Amino acid sequence: MIRIDVYADIICPWGYIGEHPLHAALQKAPELETDVVLRPFQLDPTAVAPLPVLDYLRRKFGPRAEATRWGSACMRRE
């Protein structure tokens, strides 16, 4: 049995994007016995109060937050 620990922040779209190729690769090798364990990782431990995601991203990244919003919209289409 191969155990794969995946550390990801649930707010980060890259974790979601990276999960698909992992599962696709595992499907190509069905003879491997694997156990994928998802583990939390907080990208910004200094965050104190909950904010709407786009407001938080604007504070953190400024004008680049709009690009993140576009990426999030693309992920919701699946």
Protein backbone atom coordinates (compact mmCIF):
# COMPACT_ATOMS: atom_id res chain seq x y z
CA MET A 1 0.00 0.00 0.00
CA ILE A 2 1.32 3.42 -0.98
CA ARG A 3 0.13 6.25 1.22
CA ILE A 4 0.03 9.70 -0.36
CA ASP A 5 -0.40 12.63 2.02
CA VAL A 6 -1.69 15.73 0.25
CA TYR A 7 -1.33 18.99 2.17
CA ALA A 8 -3.52 21.79 0.83
CA ASP A 9 -5.30 24.94 1.91
CA ILE A 10 -8.97 24.62 0.95
CA ILE A 11 -9.09 28.26 -0.14
CA CYS A 12 -6.20 27.85 -2.59
CA PRO A 13 -7.31 26.89 -6.11
CA TRP A 14 -3.95 25.28 -6.92
CA GLY A 15 -4.63 22.43 -4.53
CA TYR A 16 -7.85 21.69 -6.37
CA ILE A 17 -6.15 22.02 -9.74
CA GLY A 18 -3.32 19.68 -8.69
CA GLU A 19 -5.64 17.02 -7.31
CA HIS A 20 -7.06 16.12 -10.73
CA PRO A 21 -3.71 15.03 -12.29
CA LEU A 22 -2.93 12.99 -9.18
CA HIS A 23 -6.16 11.01 -9.44
CA ALA A 24 -5.78 10.68 -13.22
CA ALA A 25 -2.29 9.22 -12.75
CA LEU A 26 -3.53 6.78 -10.12
CA GLN A 27 -6.30 5.60 -12.46
CA LYS A 28 -3.65 4.75 -15.07
CA ALA A 29 -1.98 2.38 -12.62
CA PRO A 30 -4.87 0.39 -11.12
CA GLU A 31 -2.44 -2.30 -9.97
CA LEU A 32 -1.08 0.09 -7.34
CA GLU A 33 -2.82 0.07 -4.00
CA THR A 34 -2.93 3.65 -2.80
CA ASP A 35 -4.40 5.57 0.07
CA VAL A 36 -4.71 9.31 -0.59
CA VAL A 37 -4.99 11.26 2.66
CA LEU A 38 -6.01 14.92 2.42
CA ARG A 39 -4.51 17.08 5.15
CA PRO A 40 -5.16 20.74 5.94
CA PHE A 41 -2.51 23.40 5.54
CA GLN A 42 -3.25 27.04 6.31
CA LEU A 43 -1.54 29.32 3.80
CA ASP A 44 -2.13 32.45 5.86
CA PRO A 45 -2.06 31.73 9.59
CA THR A 46 -2.25 35.49 10.27
CA ALA A 47 -5.82 35.70 8.97
CA VAL A 48 -8.00 36.57 11.96
CA ALA A 49 -11.52 37.44 10.86
CA PRO A 50 -13.59 35.71 8.21
CA LEU A 51 -14.01 37.83 5.09
CA PRO A 52 -15.67 37.22 1.76
CA VAL A 53 -13.02 35.53 -0.38
CA LEU A 54 -12.69 38.29 -2.95
CA ASP A 55 -12.33 40.97 -0.23
CA TYR A 56 -9.58 38.93 1.41
CA LEU A 57 -7.80 38.45 -1.90
CA ARG A 58 -8.00 42.17 -2.69
CA ARG A 59 -6.39 42.98 0.68
CA LYS A 60 -3.67 40.43 0.17
CA PHE A 61 -2.94 40.76 -3.56
CA GLY A 62 -4.43 44.11 -4.61
CA PRO A 63 -5.30 44.36 -8.32
CA ARG A 64 -4.14 40.79 -8.95
CA ALA A 65 -7.19 39.56 -7.02
CA GLU A 66 -9.30 39.95 -10.15
CA ALA A 67 -7.23 37.28 -11.89
CA THR A 68 -7.84 34.95 -8.95
CA ARG A 69 -11.58 35.58 -9.19
CA TRP A 70 -11.48 34.64 -12.88
CA GLY A 71 -9.64 31.41 -12.05
CA SER A 72 -12.18 30.53 -9.36
CA ALA A 73 -15.02 31.08 -11.82
CA CYS A 74 -13.36 28.70 -14.28
CA MET A 75 -13.13 25.99 -11.63
CA ARG A 76 -16.83 26.30 -10.77
CA ARG A 77 -17.76 25.49 -14.38
CA GLU A 78 -16.71 21.85 -14.04
